[in-house]
Amino acid sequence: MSFLIRVLLADIPGSLGQLAEAIGLVDGNIHSVDVVEVFPDGTVVDDIVVSLPKGVMADTLITAAGTVEGVEVDSIRPFSGRVDRRGQIKMLAEVAAHARNIPRAMDELVAVIPQSMTVSWAVVLDNTQSESLITRVAASQAAPEDDGSSPVDIDVATARILNPESEEWIPESWGLLDSSLAATPLGRTGMVLVLGRTGGPDFLATEVEHLGHIGRIVGAILS
């Protein structure tokens, strides 16, 4: 089974190599490493996709990481495949190719975003049909089912983290299992892309910024 483990470690030569060696000692196979954020204090946040032999528990990875000085495990969760940032380029090409068919273009968007941004699901909402009707345009396979609710207002003017506890328009199902949420407008299209991570971790500032870039690019293509 494969897992996505998010770790904090010192941004110095050899630190990632030591962690990779520790993972190898428990028969973990690293499929991808993605630098998520580098902090001013010299700490780096990495997302690492690791597969373990059948029967080996995820806790084994936490124990292995703990043997390396200065490494802290932020989160760990099941993850299929590998982090694929390059897949976003192909996705943008598909969105451009189907720009006149909005549902098809948005299907291409939500199919790629979970794998490329290490999230559990993605949903595109549209409130351009009328002032009081907000509809679901597209959703990835693992997205919560549409509960039929139609929020009156979506307050997403820029890429940001969402708080399901204080924002009434957010469907209850989105925030279950301590999920972390973020969203961005798709340019001036009136559509909003919402991302969810079931069980976390929280979205970092660089991830929100990246999400905003995707929103602006997709919005420009569709416009």
N, C-alpha and C. Protein backbone atom coordinates (compact mmCIF):
# COMPACT_ATOMS: atom_id res chain seq x y z
N MET A 1 0.84 -1.19 0.00
CA MET A 1 0.00 0.00 0.00
C MET A 1 0.88 1.25 0.00
N SER A 2 0.40 2.30 -0.64
CA SER A 2 1.18 3.54 -0.73
C SER A 2 0.63 4.59 0.23
N PHE A 3 1.55 5.40 0.75
CA PHE A 3 1.18 6.46 1.69
C PHE A 3 1.88 7.75 1.29
N LEU A 4 1.21 8.86 1.60
CA LEU A 4 1.81 10.17 1.45
C LEU A 4 2.20 10.65 2.84
N ILE A 5 3.48 10.79 3.06
CA ILE A 5 3.97 11.23 4.37
C ILE A 5 4.53 12.64 4.21
N ARG A 6 4.02 13.56 4.99
CA ARG A 6 4.51 14.95 4.98
C ARG A 6 5.45 15.13 6.15
N VAL A 7 6.66 15.55 5.86
CA VAL A 7 7.69 15.67 6.90
C VAL A 7 8.30 17.06 6.90
N LEU A 8 8.77 17.47 8.04
CA LEU A 8 9.57 18.68 8.20
C LEU A 8 10.99 18.25 8.52
N LEU A 9 11.95 18.82 7.82
CA LEU A 9 13.35 18.50 8.07
C LEU A 9 14.23 19.69 7.73
N ALA A 10 15.48 19.63 8.18
CA ALA A 10 16.41 20.72 7.92
C ALA A 10 16.80 20.73 6.45
N ASP A 11 16.83 21.92 5.87
CA ASP A 11 17.19 22.06 4.46
C ASP A 11 18.71 22.14 4.34
N ILE A 12 19.37 21.02 4.64
CA ILE A 12 20.83 20.94 4.58
C ILE A 12 21.22 19.68 3.81
N PRO A 13 22.40 19.67 3.21
CA PRO A 13 22.84 18.50 2.46
C PRO A 13 22.82 17.24 3.32
N GLY A 14 22.25 16.19 2.77
CA GLY A 14 22.28 14.89 3.44
C GLY A 14 21.05 14.56 4.25
N SER A 15 20.24 15.56 4.63
CA SER A 15 19.10 15.28 5.50
C SER A 15 18.05 14.41 4.80
N LEU A 16 17.76 14.72 3.55
CA LEU A 16 16.79 13.91 2.81
C LEU A 16 17.35 12.51 2.54
N GLY A 17 18.64 12.44 2.29
CA GLY A 17 19.26 11.15 2.05
C GLY A 17 19.18 10.25 3.28
N GLN A 18 19.38 10.83 4.45
CA GLN A 18 19.28 10.05 5.69
C GLN A 18 17.85 9.53 5.89
N LEU A 19 16.88 10.38 5.56
CA LEU A 19 15.49 9.96 5.69
C LEU A 19 15.17 8.84 4.70
N ALA A 20 15.66 8.99 3.47
CA ALA A 20 15.43 7.95 2.45
C ALA A 20 16.04 6.62 2.88
N GLU A 21 17.23 6.69 3.49
CA GLU A 21 17.88 5.47 3.96
C GLU A 21 17.06 4.81 5.06
N ALA A 22 16.52 5.62 5.97
CA ALA A 22 15.71 5.08 7.07
C ALA A 22 14.44 4.42 6.53
N ILE A 23 13.85 5.03 5.51
CA ILE A 23 12.65 4.45 4.91
C ILE A 23 13.00 3.13 4.21
N GLY A 24 14.16 3.10 3.56
CA GLY A 24 14.59 1.88 2.88
C GLY A 24 14.83 0.73 3.84
N LEU A 25 15.27 1.05 5.04
CA LEU A 25 15.55 0.00 6.03
C LEU A 25 14.28 -0.73 6.49
N VAL A 26 13.11 -0.09 6.29
CA VAL A 26 11.85 -0.76 6.65
C VAL A 26 11.13 -1.24 5.38
N ASP A 27 11.93 -1.38 4.30
CA ASP A 27 11.43 -1.88 3.02
C ASP A 27 10.45 -0.93 2.35
N GLY A 28 10.54 0.34 2.67
CA GLY A 28 9.71 1.33 2.00
C GLY A 28 10.31 1.71 0.66
N ASN A 29 9.48 1.85 -0.35
CA ASN A 29 9.93 2.23 -1.70
C ASN A 29 9.40 3.62 -2.02
N ILE A 30 10.31 4.58 -2.18
CA ILE A 30 9.93 5.97 -2.44
C ILE A 30 9.58 6.14 -3.93
N HIS A 31 8.38 6.66 -4.19
CA HIS A 31 7.92 6.87 -5.56
C HIS A 31 8.08 8.31 -6.02
N SER A 32 7.95 9.25 -5.10
CA SER A 32 8.12 10.65 -5.47
C SER A 32 8.40 11.49 -4.23
N VAL A 33 9.12 12.60 -4.45
CA VAL A 33 9.41 13.57 -3.40
C VAL A 33 9.09 14.95 -3.94
N ASP A 34 8.31 15.70 -3.20
CA ASP A 34 7.90 17.03 -3.65
C ASP A 34 8.15 18.04 -2.53
N VAL A 35 8.90 19.09 -2.84
CA VAL A 35 9.15 20.15 -1.87
C VAL A 35 7.93 21.07 -1.86
N VAL A 36 7.26 21.14 -0.72
CA VAL A 36 6.04 21.92 -0.61
C VAL A 36 6.32 23.35 -0.20
N GLU A 37 7.20 23.52 0.79
CA GLU A 37 7.49 24.87 1.27
C GLU A 37 8.83 24.89 1.99
N VAL A 38 9.53 26.01 1.85
CA VAL A 38 10.79 26.23 2.57
C VAL A 38 10.61 27.45 3.46
N PHE A 39 10.84 27.27 4.75
CA PHE A 39 10.64 28.35 5.70
C PHE A 39 11.95 29.13 5.91
N PRO A 40 11.82 30.39 6.35
CA PRO A 40 13.02 31.23 6.55
C PRO A 40 14.03 30.64 7.53
N ASP A 41 13.57 29.81 8.47
CA ASP A 41 14.49 29.25 9.47
C ASP A 41 15.29 28.07 8.93
N GLY A 42 15.12 27.75 7.64
CA GLY A 42 15.89 26.66 7.05
C GLY A 42 15.20 25.31 7.13
N THR A 43 13.94 25.30 7.55
CA THR A 43 13.16 24.07 7.58
C THR A 43 12.41 23.91 6.27
N VAL A 44 12.37 22.69 5.75
CA VAL A 44 11.67 22.42 4.51
C VAL A 44 10.56 21.41 4.77
N VAL A 45 9.44 21.58 4.07
CA VAL A 45 8.32 20.63 4.15
C VAL A 45 8.31 19.82 2.86
N ASP A 46 8.43 18.50 2.99
CA ASP A 46 8.43 17.61 1.84
C ASP A 46 7.23 16.67 1.90
N ASP A 47 6.63 16.42 0.74
CA ASP A 47 5.64 15.36 0.60
C ASP A 47 6.31 14.18 -0.08
N ILE A 48 6.30 13.03 0.57
CA ILE A 48 6.97 11.84 0.05
C ILE A 48 5.96 10.71 -0.08
N VAL A 49 5.85 10.16 -1.29
CA VAL A 49 4.97 9.01 -1.52
C VAL A 49 5.80 7.74 -1.39
N VAL A 50 5.38 6.87 -0.47
CA VAL A 50 6.13 5.65 -0.17
C VAL A 50 5.18 4.45 -0.20
N SER A 51 5.60 3.37 -0.84
CA SER A 51 4.83 2.13 -0.77
C SER A 51 5.50 1.18 0.20
N LEU A 52 4.69 0.44 0.95
CA LEU A 52 5.18 -0.52 1.92
C LEU A 52 4.72 -1.92 1.53
N PRO A 53 5.49 -2.94 1.89
CA PRO A 53 5.07 -4.32 1.59
C PRO A 53 3.74 -4.65 2.26
N LYS A 54 3.04 -5.60 1.73
CA LYS A 54 1.76 -6.02 2.28
C LYS A 54 1.91 -6.44 3.74
N GLY A 55 1.03 -5.91 4.56
CA GLY A 55 1.05 -6.26 5.97
C GLY A 55 1.85 -5.31 6.84
N VAL A 56 2.65 -4.42 6.22
CA VAL A 56 3.44 -3.46 7.00
C VAL A 56 2.58 -2.22 7.24
N MET A 57 2.47 -1.80 8.49
CA MET A 57 1.59 -0.71 8.88
C MET A 57 2.24 0.65 8.60
N ALA A 58 1.39 1.67 8.45
CA ALA A 58 1.87 3.03 8.20
C ALA A 58 2.73 3.55 9.34
N ASP A 59 2.43 3.10 10.58
CA ASP A 59 3.21 3.55 11.73
C ASP A 59 4.70 3.24 11.58
N THR A 60 5.00 2.24 10.75
CA THR A 60 6.41 1.88 10.52
C THR A 60 7.17 3.06 9.92
N LEU A 61 6.51 3.80 9.04
CA LEU A 61 7.15 4.96 8.43
C LEU A 61 7.40 6.06 9.46
N ILE A 62 6.44 6.25 10.35
CA ILE A 62 6.61 7.26 11.39
C ILE A 62 7.79 6.91 12.29
N THR A 63 7.89 5.64 12.64
CA THR A 63 9.00 5.18 13.48
C THR A 63 10.33 5.35 12.76
N ALA A 64 10.35 5.02 11.47
CA ALA A 64 11.58 5.15 10.70
C ALA A 64 12.02 6.59 10.61
N ALA A 65 11.07 7.49 10.34
CA ALA A 65 11.41 8.92 10.25
C ALA A 65 11.93 9.45 11.58
N GLY A 66 11.40 8.91 12.67
CA GLY A 66 11.81 9.36 14.00
C GLY A 66 13.24 9.00 14.35
N THR A 67 13.85 8.09 13.59
CA THR A 67 15.24 7.72 13.86
C THR A 67 16.23 8.73 13.28
N VAL A 68 15.72 9.64 12.44
CA VAL A 68 16.59 10.64 11.81
C VAL A 68 16.49 11.95 12.58
N GLU A 69 17.60 12.43 13.06
CA GLU A 69 17.61 13.65 13.87
C GLU A 69 17.06 14.84 13.09
N GLY A 70 16.17 15.58 13.71
CA GLY A 70 15.63 16.80 13.10
C GLY A 70 14.43 16.58 12.20
N VAL A 71 14.01 15.34 12.01
CA VAL A 71 12.86 15.05 11.14
C VAL A 71 11.60 14.96 11.99
N GLU A 72 10.55 15.63 11.53
CA GLU A 72 9.26 15.60 12.22
C GLU A 72 8.18 15.23 11.22
N VAL A 73 7.37 14.24 11.56
CA VAL A 73 6.27 13.82 10.70
C VAL A 73 5.06 14.70 10.97
N ASP A 74 4.60 15.40 9.94
CA ASP A 74 3.43 16.27 10.08
C ASP A 74 2.15 15.48 9.90
N SER A 75 2.13 14.58 8.91
CA SER A 75 0.92 13.79 8.66
C SER A 75 1.27 12.60 7.78
N ILE A 76 0.37 11.62 7.76
CA ILE A 76 0.53 10.47 6.88
C ILE A 76 -0.86 9.96 6.52
N ARG A 77 -1.05 9.63 5.26
CA ARG A 77 -2.36 9.15 4.82
C ARG A 77 -2.19 8.31 3.56
N PRO A 78 -3.14 7.43 3.26
CA PRO A 78 -3.07 6.63 2.03
C PRO A 78 -3.07 7.54 0.80
N PHE A 79 -2.31 7.14 -0.20
CA PHE A 79 -2.22 7.95 -1.43
C PHE A 79 -1.86 7.03 -2.58
N SER A 80 -2.64 7.10 -3.62
CA SER A 80 -2.41 6.23 -4.78
C SER A 80 -1.54 6.93 -5.82
N GLY A 81 -0.59 6.22 -6.40
CA GLY A 81 0.26 6.80 -7.45
C GLY A 81 1.38 7.63 -6.87
N ARG A 82 1.63 8.76 -7.52
CA ARG A 82 2.68 9.65 -7.06
C ARG A 82 2.26 11.10 -7.28
N VAL A 83 2.95 12.03 -6.62
CA VAL A 83 2.66 13.44 -6.82
C VAL A 83 3.09 13.81 -8.24
N ASP A 84 2.17 14.32 -9.02
CA ASP A 84 2.44 14.58 -10.43
C ASP A 84 2.16 16.04 -10.78
N ARG A 85 3.12 16.91 -10.52
CA ARG A 85 2.96 18.32 -10.87
C ARG A 85 2.93 18.51 -12.39
N ARG A 86 3.68 17.68 -13.12
CA ARG A 86 3.72 17.83 -14.57
C ARG A 86 2.36 17.55 -15.20
N GLY A 87 1.55 16.75 -14.51
CA GLY A 87 0.23 16.44 -15.04
C GLY A 87 -0.63 17.68 -15.19
N GLN A 88 -0.30 18.75 -14.47
CA GLN A 88 -1.07 19.97 -14.58
C GLN A 88 -0.92 20.61 -15.96
N ILE A 89 0.23 20.45 -16.59
CA ILE A 89 0.45 21.01 -17.92
C ILE A 89 -0.47 20.34 -18.92
N LYS A 90 -0.53 19.01 -18.87
CA LYS A 90 -1.43 18.27 -19.76
C LYS A 90 -2.87 18.65 -19.49
N MET A 91 -3.22 18.80 -18.20
CA MET A 91 -4.57 19.17 -17.84
C MET A 91 -4.94 20.52 -18.43
N LEU A 92 -4.05 21.50 -18.35
CA LEU A 92 -4.31 22.83 -18.90
C LEU A 92 -4.51 22.77 -20.41
N ALA A 93 -3.73 21.90 -21.06
CA ALA A 93 -3.90 21.72 -22.50
C ALA A 93 -5.28 21.15 -22.82
N GLU A 94 -5.75 20.21 -21.99
CA GLU A 94 -7.08 19.61 -22.20
C GLU A 94 -8.18 20.64 -21.92
N VAL A 95 -7.99 21.46 -20.90
CA VAL A 95 -8.96 22.52 -20.62
C VAL A 95 -9.05 23.47 -21.80
N ALA A 96 -7.90 23.83 -22.36
CA ALA A 96 -7.89 24.72 -23.52
C ALA A 96 -8.56 24.08 -24.73
N ALA A 97 -8.33 22.79 -24.90
CA ALA A 97 -8.91 22.08 -26.05
C ALA A 97 -10.43 22.00 -25.96
N HIS A 98 -10.96 22.03 -24.74
CA HIS A 98 -12.41 21.90 -24.55
C HIS A 98 -13.00 23.16 -23.92
N ALA A 99 -12.39 24.29 -24.18
CA ALA A 99 -12.81 25.54 -23.54
C ALA A 99 -14.24 25.92 -23.87
N ARG A 100 -14.77 25.47 -25.01
CA ARG A 100 -16.15 25.79 -25.39
C ARG A 100 -17.15 24.79 -24.79
N ASN A 101 -16.64 23.76 -24.15
CA ASN A 101 -17.49 22.76 -23.49
C ASN A 101 -17.12 22.76 -22.01
N ILE A 102 -17.73 23.65 -21.26
CA ILE A 102 -17.34 23.87 -19.86
C ILE A 102 -17.40 22.60 -19.02
N PRO A 103 -18.48 21.82 -19.07
CA PRO A 103 -18.51 20.59 -18.24
C PRO A 103 -17.35 19.65 -18.55
N ARG A 104 -17.02 19.49 -19.83
CA ARG A 104 -15.92 18.60 -20.20
C ARG A 104 -14.59 19.18 -19.71
N ALA A 105 -14.41 20.49 -19.87
CA ALA A 105 -13.17 21.12 -19.42
C ALA A 105 -12.99 20.99 -17.92
N MET A 106 -14.08 21.15 -17.17
CA MET A 106 -13.99 21.04 -15.72
C MET A 106 -13.80 19.60 -15.26
N ASP A 107 -14.33 18.65 -16.03
CA ASP A 107 -14.04 17.24 -15.73
C ASP A 107 -12.55 16.96 -15.84
N GLU A 108 -11.91 17.55 -16.85
CA GLU A 108 -10.46 17.38 -17.02
C GLU A 108 -9.71 18.00 -15.84
N LEU A 109 -10.20 19.13 -15.37
CA LEU A 109 -9.56 19.82 -14.25
C LEU A 109 -9.61 18.98 -12.97
N VAL A 110 -10.80 18.53 -12.59
CA VAL A 110 -10.94 17.83 -11.30
C VAL A 110 -10.35 16.42 -11.35
N ALA A 111 -10.13 15.89 -12.55
CA ALA A 111 -9.53 14.56 -12.65
C ALA A 111 -8.05 14.58 -12.30
N VAL A 112 -7.39 15.71 -12.53
CA VAL A 112 -5.94 15.82 -12.35
C VAL A 112 -5.56 16.46 -11.01
N ILE A 113 -6.34 17.39 -10.54
CA ILE A 113 -5.98 18.17 -9.36
C ILE A 113 -5.68 17.32 -8.12
N PRO A 114 -6.47 16.29 -7.78
CA PRO A 114 -6.15 15.53 -6.56
C PRO A 114 -4.75 14.93 -6.58
N GLN A 115 -4.32 14.40 -7.71
CA GLN A 115 -3.00 13.78 -7.79
C GLN A 115 -1.89 14.81 -7.79
N SER A 116 -2.14 15.95 -8.41
CA SER A 116 -1.06 16.94 -8.56
C SER A 116 -0.94 17.88 -7.36
N MET A 117 -2.01 17.99 -6.55
CA MET A 117 -1.96 18.88 -5.40
C MET A 117 -2.16 18.12 -4.08
N THR A 118 -2.01 16.82 -4.12
CA THR A 118 -2.09 15.95 -2.94
C THR A 118 -3.33 16.24 -2.09
N VAL A 119 -4.49 16.27 -2.76
CA VAL A 119 -5.74 16.44 -2.05
C VAL A 119 -6.62 15.22 -2.25
N SER A 120 -7.66 15.11 -1.43
CA SER A 120 -8.55 13.95 -1.52
C SER A 120 -9.58 14.10 -2.62
N TRP A 121 -10.03 15.34 -2.85
CA TRP A 121 -11.07 15.56 -3.85
C TRP A 121 -11.08 17.01 -4.33
N ALA A 122 -11.78 17.21 -5.44
CA ALA A 122 -11.93 18.55 -6.02
C ALA A 122 -13.33 18.70 -6.58
N VAL A 123 -13.91 19.88 -6.39
CA VAL A 123 -15.25 20.19 -6.88
C VAL A 123 -15.23 21.57 -7.52
N VAL A 124 -15.95 21.72 -8.63
CA VAL A 124 -16.12 23.03 -9.27
C VAL A 124 -17.58 23.45 -9.12
N LEU A 125 -17.79 24.65 -8.58
CA LEU A 125 -19.13 25.21 -8.40
C LEU A 125 -19.33 26.37 -9.36
N ASP A 126 -20.58 26.58 -9.75
CA ASP A 126 -20.91 27.66 -10.70
C ASP A 126 -22.13 28.41 -10.19
N ASN A 127 -22.02 29.71 -10.05
CA ASN A 127 -23.18 30.50 -9.63
C ASN A 127 -23.52 31.57 -10.66
N THR A 128 -23.24 31.29 -11.91
CA THR A 128 -23.50 32.27 -12.97
C THR A 128 -24.89 32.12 -13.59
N GLN A 129 -25.60 31.02 -13.30
CA GLN A 129 -26.89 30.82 -13.94
C GLN A 129 -27.94 31.79 -13.42
N SER A 130 -27.86 32.10 -12.15
CA SER A 130 -28.75 33.11 -11.56
C SER A 130 -28.11 33.59 -10.27
N GLU A 131 -28.66 34.64 -9.72
CA GLU A 131 -28.05 35.22 -8.52
C GLU A 131 -28.22 34.32 -7.29
N SER A 132 -29.20 33.43 -7.30
CA SER A 132 -29.47 32.64 -6.10
C SER A 132 -29.26 31.15 -6.29
N LEU A 133 -28.78 30.72 -7.46
CA LEU A 133 -28.61 29.29 -7.71
C LEU A 133 -27.14 28.96 -7.94
N ILE A 134 -26.61 28.11 -7.08
CA ILE A 134 -25.23 27.67 -7.21
C ILE A 134 -25.25 26.18 -7.51
N THR A 135 -24.62 25.78 -8.60
CA THR A 135 -24.68 24.40 -9.03
C THR A 135 -23.29 23.78 -9.07
N ARG A 136 -23.26 22.46 -9.02
CA ARG A 136 -22.01 21.71 -9.12
C ARG A 136 -21.77 21.38 -10.59
N VAL A 137 -20.63 21.82 -11.10
CA VAL A 137 -20.29 21.60 -12.51
C VAL A 137 -19.55 20.29 -12.70
N ALA A 138 -18.61 20.02 -11.81
CA ALA A 138 -17.79 18.81 -11.92
C ALA A 138 -17.26 18.44 -10.54
N ALA A 139 -16.94 17.15 -10.37
CA ALA A 139 -16.40 16.67 -9.10
C ALA A 139 -15.53 15.46 -9.36
N SER A 140 -14.45 15.34 -8.62
CA SER A 140 -13.58 14.18 -8.74
C SER A 140 -14.25 12.96 -8.13
N GLN A 141 -13.68 11.79 -8.36
CA GLN A 141 -14.30 10.54 -7.94
C GLN A 141 -14.54 10.46 -6.43
N ALA A 142 -13.62 10.97 -5.64
CA ALA A 142 -13.73 10.84 -4.18
C ALA A 142 -14.44 12.01 -3.52
N ALA A 143 -14.99 12.92 -4.30
CA ALA A 143 -15.66 14.09 -3.73
C ALA A 143 -16.93 13.69 -2.98
N PRO A 144 -17.29 14.42 -1.93
CA PRO A 144 -18.55 14.15 -1.24
C PRO A 144 -19.72 14.28 -2.22
N GLU A 145 -20.73 13.46 -2.03
CA GLU A 145 -21.89 13.51 -2.92
C GLU A 145 -22.62 14.84 -2.78
N ASP A 146 -23.24 15.26 -3.87
CA ASP A 146 -24.03 16.49 -3.86
C ASP A 146 -25.25 16.27 -2.97
N ASP A 147 -25.37 17.06 -1.90
CA ASP A 147 -26.48 16.88 -0.95
C ASP A 147 -27.72 17.66 -1.37
N GLY A 148 -27.66 18.30 -2.54
CA GLY A 148 -28.82 19.03 -3.03
C GLY A 148 -28.93 20.44 -2.48
N SER A 149 -28.04 20.83 -1.59
CA SER A 149 -28.10 22.18 -1.03
C SER A 149 -27.63 23.19 -2.06
N SER A 150 -28.15 24.41 -1.95
CA SER A 150 -27.76 25.47 -2.87
C SER A 150 -27.47 26.72 -2.07
N PRO A 151 -26.21 26.92 -1.66
CA PRO A 151 -25.87 28.09 -0.85
C PRO A 151 -26.17 29.38 -1.61
N VAL A 152 -26.56 30.40 -0.86
CA VAL A 152 -26.93 31.67 -1.48
C VAL A 152 -25.70 32.43 -1.96
N ASP A 153 -24.61 32.32 -1.24
CA ASP A 153 -23.44 33.13 -1.57
C ASP A 153 -22.16 32.34 -1.33
N ILE A 154 -21.24 32.41 -2.27
CA ILE A 154 -19.93 31.80 -2.11
C ILE A 154 -18.92 32.94 -1.96
N ASP A 155 -18.35 33.06 -0.79
CA ASP A 155 -17.43 34.16 -0.52
C ASP A 155 -16.00 33.71 -0.81
N VAL A 156 -15.68 33.60 -2.09
CA VAL A 156 -14.33 33.22 -2.50
C VAL A 156 -13.89 34.17 -3.60
N ALA A 157 -13.33 35.30 -3.20
CA ALA A 157 -12.89 36.30 -4.17
C ALA A 157 -11.43 36.11 -4.55
N THR A 158 -10.72 35.33 -3.75
CA THR A 158 -9.32 35.05 -4.01
C THR A 158 -8.98 33.68 -3.42
N ALA A 159 -7.87 33.11 -3.81
CA ALA A 159 -7.49 31.79 -3.27
C ALA A 159 -7.30 31.90 -1.76
N ARG A 160 -7.93 31.00 -1.04
CA ARG A 160 -7.84 31.06 0.43
C ARG A 160 -8.26 29.74 1.04
N ILE A 161 -7.96 29.59 2.34
CA ILE A 161 -8.39 28.45 3.13
C ILE A 161 -9.84 28.67 3.55
N LEU A 162 -10.63 27.61 3.53
CA LEU A 162 -12.01 27.68 3.98
C LEU A 162 -12.15 27.12 5.39
N ASN A 163 -13.09 27.68 6.14
CA ASN A 163 -13.36 27.21 7.50
C ASN A 163 -14.79 26.69 7.57
N PRO A 164 -14.98 25.37 7.53
CA PRO A 164 -16.34 24.82 7.51
C PRO A 164 -17.12 25.09 8.80
N GLU A 165 -16.44 25.43 9.87
CA GLU A 165 -17.13 25.68 11.13
C GLU A 165 -17.75 27.07 11.20
N SER A 166 -17.18 28.01 10.46
CA SER A 166 -17.67 29.39 10.56
C SER A 166 -18.32 29.91 9.27
N GLU A 167 -18.19 29.17 8.17
CA GLU A 167 -18.77 29.62 6.91
C GLU A 167 -20.01 28.78 6.59
N GLU A 168 -21.17 29.39 6.71
CA GLU A 168 -22.44 28.67 6.65
C GLU A 168 -22.72 28.08 5.28
N TRP A 169 -22.14 28.62 4.22
CA TRP A 169 -22.46 28.14 2.88
C TRP A 169 -21.82 26.78 2.57
N ILE A 170 -20.83 26.37 3.36
CA ILE A 170 -20.11 25.13 3.09
C ILE A 170 -20.94 23.93 3.52
N PRO A 171 -21.21 22.97 2.62
CA PRO A 171 -21.96 21.76 2.99
C PRO A 171 -21.30 21.02 4.14
N GLU A 172 -22.09 20.48 5.04
CA GLU A 172 -21.56 19.80 6.22
C GLU A 172 -20.65 18.64 5.86
N SER A 173 -20.97 17.94 4.78
CA SER A 173 -20.19 16.76 4.39
C SER A 173 -18.75 17.10 4.02
N TRP A 174 -18.51 18.33 3.60
CA TRP A 174 -17.16 18.70 3.21
C TRP A 174 -16.19 18.73 4.38
N GLY A 175 -16.70 19.05 5.54
CA GLY A 175 -15.82 19.21 6.70
C GLY A 175 -15.71 17.98 7.58
N LEU A 176 -16.35 16.87 7.17
CA LEU A 176 -16.31 15.67 8.00
C LEU A 176 -14.89 15.09 8.07
N LEU A 177 -14.64 14.33 9.12
CA LEU A 177 -13.35 13.66 9.34
C LEU A 177 -12.20 14.65 9.39
N ASP A 178 -12.48 15.81 9.96
CA ASP A 178 -11.44 16.83 10.16
C ASP A 178 -10.77 17.22 8.84
N SER A 179 -11.57 17.40 7.81
CA SER A 179 -11.03 17.73 6.49
C SER A 179 -10.56 19.18 6.43
N SER A 180 -9.49 19.40 5.67
CA SER A 180 -8.99 20.74 5.40
C SER A 180 -9.49 21.16 4.02
N LEU A 181 -9.92 22.42 3.90
CA LEU A 181 -10.51 22.91 2.66
C LEU A 181 -9.81 24.17 2.17
N ALA A 182 -9.74 24.32 0.85
CA ALA A 182 -9.23 25.54 0.24
C ALA A 182 -9.98 25.74 -1.07
N ALA A 183 -10.01 26.99 -1.54
CA ALA A 183 -10.76 27.28 -2.76
C ALA A 183 -10.15 28.46 -3.48
N THR A 184 -10.45 28.55 -4.78
CA THR A 184 -10.02 29.68 -5.59
C THR A 184 -11.06 29.96 -6.65
N PRO A 185 -11.25 31.24 -6.99
CA PRO A 185 -12.12 31.54 -8.14
C PRO A 185 -11.38 31.17 -9.43
N LEU A 186 -12.13 30.78 -10.45
CA LEU A 186 -11.53 30.51 -11.76
C LEU A 186 -11.64 31.77 -12.60
N GLY A 187 -10.75 32.70 -12.31
CA GLY A 187 -10.77 33.98 -13.02
C GLY A 187 -12.10 34.69 -12.84
N ARG A 188 -12.63 35.20 -13.96
CA ARG A 188 -13.90 35.92 -13.92
C ARG A 188 -15.05 35.08 -14.48
N THR A 189 -14.89 33.76 -14.45
CA THR A 189 -15.91 32.88 -15.01
C THR A 189 -17.13 32.73 -14.11
N GLY A 190 -16.99 33.11 -12.84
CA GLY A 190 -18.06 32.89 -11.88
C GLY A 190 -17.99 31.52 -11.23
N MET A 191 -17.03 30.71 -11.64
CA MET A 191 -16.86 29.38 -11.06
C MET A 191 -15.79 29.38 -9.99
N VAL A 192 -15.92 28.43 -9.07
CA VAL A 192 -14.99 28.30 -7.95
C VAL A 192 -14.52 26.86 -7.86
N LEU A 193 -13.21 26.68 -7.72
CA LEU A 193 -12.62 25.36 -7.51
C LEU A 193 -12.37 25.16 -6.03
N VAL A 194 -12.95 24.09 -5.47
CA VAL A 194 -12.81 23.78 -4.04
C VAL A 194 -12.03 22.47 -3.89
N LEU A 195 -11.05 22.47 -3.00
CA LEU A 195 -10.25 21.28 -2.74
C LEU A 195 -10.46 20.82 -1.29
N GLY A 196 -10.43 19.51 -1.09
CA GLY A 196 -10.58 18.97 0.25
C GLY A 196 -9.54 17.91 0.54
N ARG A 197 -9.02 17.93 1.76
CA ARG A 197 -8.11 16.89 2.25
C ARG A 197 -8.77 16.22 3.45
N THR A 198 -9.22 15.02 3.26
CA THR A 198 -9.86 14.29 4.35
C THR A 198 -8.83 13.94 5.42
N GLY A 199 -9.05 14.44 6.62
CA GLY A 199 -8.12 14.20 7.72
C GLY A 199 -6.90 15.11 7.71
N GLY A 200 -6.87 16.11 6.82
CA GLY A 200 -5.73 17.02 6.74
C GLY A 200 -4.60 16.44 5.90
N PRO A 201 -3.43 17.08 5.91
CA PRO A 201 -3.02 18.21 6.74
C PRO A 201 -3.57 19.53 6.22
N ASP A 202 -3.38 20.59 7.01
CA ASP A 202 -3.80 21.92 6.61
C ASP A 202 -3.04 22.37 5.36
N PHE A 203 -3.67 23.23 4.59
CA PHE A 203 -3.01 23.79 3.42
C PHE A 203 -1.98 24.84 3.86
N LEU A 204 -0.79 24.75 3.29
CA LEU A 204 0.25 25.73 3.57
C LEU A 204 0.10 26.93 2.64
N ALA A 205 0.77 28.03 2.99
CA ALA A 205 0.64 29.27 2.22
C ALA A 205 1.06 29.06 0.76
N THR A 206 2.12 28.30 0.53
CA THR A 206 2.57 28.08 -0.84
C THR A 206 1.57 27.26 -1.64
N GLU A 207 0.85 26.36 -0.97
CA GLU A 207 -0.16 25.57 -1.66
C GLU A 207 -1.35 26.43 -2.07
N VAL A 208 -1.75 27.34 -1.19
CA VAL A 208 -2.84 28.25 -1.52
C VAL A 208 -2.43 29.16 -2.67
N GLU A 209 -1.20 29.63 -2.63
CA GLU A 209 -0.71 30.48 -3.71
C GLU A 209 -0.71 29.71 -5.04
N HIS A 210 -0.27 28.46 -5.01
CA HIS A 210 -0.25 27.61 -6.20
C HIS A 210 -1.67 27.41 -6.73
N LEU A 211 -2.61 27.18 -5.82
CA LEU A 211 -4.00 27.02 -6.20
C LEU A 211 -4.52 28.28 -6.89
N GLY A 212 -4.14 29.42 -6.37
CA GLY A 212 -4.55 30.68 -6.99
C GLY A 212 -4.01 30.84 -8.40
N HIS A 213 -2.77 30.41 -8.62
CA HIS A 213 -2.19 30.48 -9.97
C HIS A 213 -3.00 29.61 -10.93
N ILE A 214 -3.35 28.41 -10.49
CA ILE A 214 -4.14 27.52 -11.34
C ILE A 214 -5.50 28.17 -11.66
N GLY A 215 -6.11 28.77 -10.66
CA GLY A 215 -7.39 29.42 -10.88
C GLY A 215 -7.32 30.53 -11.91
N ARG A 216 -6.27 31.34 -11.83
CA ARG A 216 -6.13 32.45 -12.77
C ARG A 216 -5.86 31.94 -14.19
N ILE A 217 -5.02 30.91 -14.31
CA ILE A 217 -4.70 30.38 -15.63
C ILE A 217 -5.93 29.74 -16.28
N VAL A 218 -6.64 28.89 -15.51
CA VAL A 218 -7.83 28.24 -16.05
C VAL A 218 -8.89 29.29 -16.41
N GLY A 219 -9.04 30.30 -15.54
CA GLY A 219 -9.99 31.36 -15.83
C GLY A 219 -9.66 32.11 -17.11
N ALA A 220 -8.38 32.36 -17.32
CA ALA A 220 -7.96 33.07 -18.54
C ALA A 220 -8.23 32.22 -19.78
N ILE A 221 -8.00 30.91 -19.67
CA ILE A 221 -8.24 30.01 -20.81
C ILE A 221 -9.74 30.01 -21.16
N LEU A 222 -10.58 29.90 -20.16
CA LEU A 222 -12.02 29.81 -20.40
C LEU A 222 -12.62 31.13 -20.86
N SER A 223 -11.96 32.22 -20.52
CA SER A 223 -12.47 33.53 -20.92
C SER A 223 -12.11 33.88 -22.36
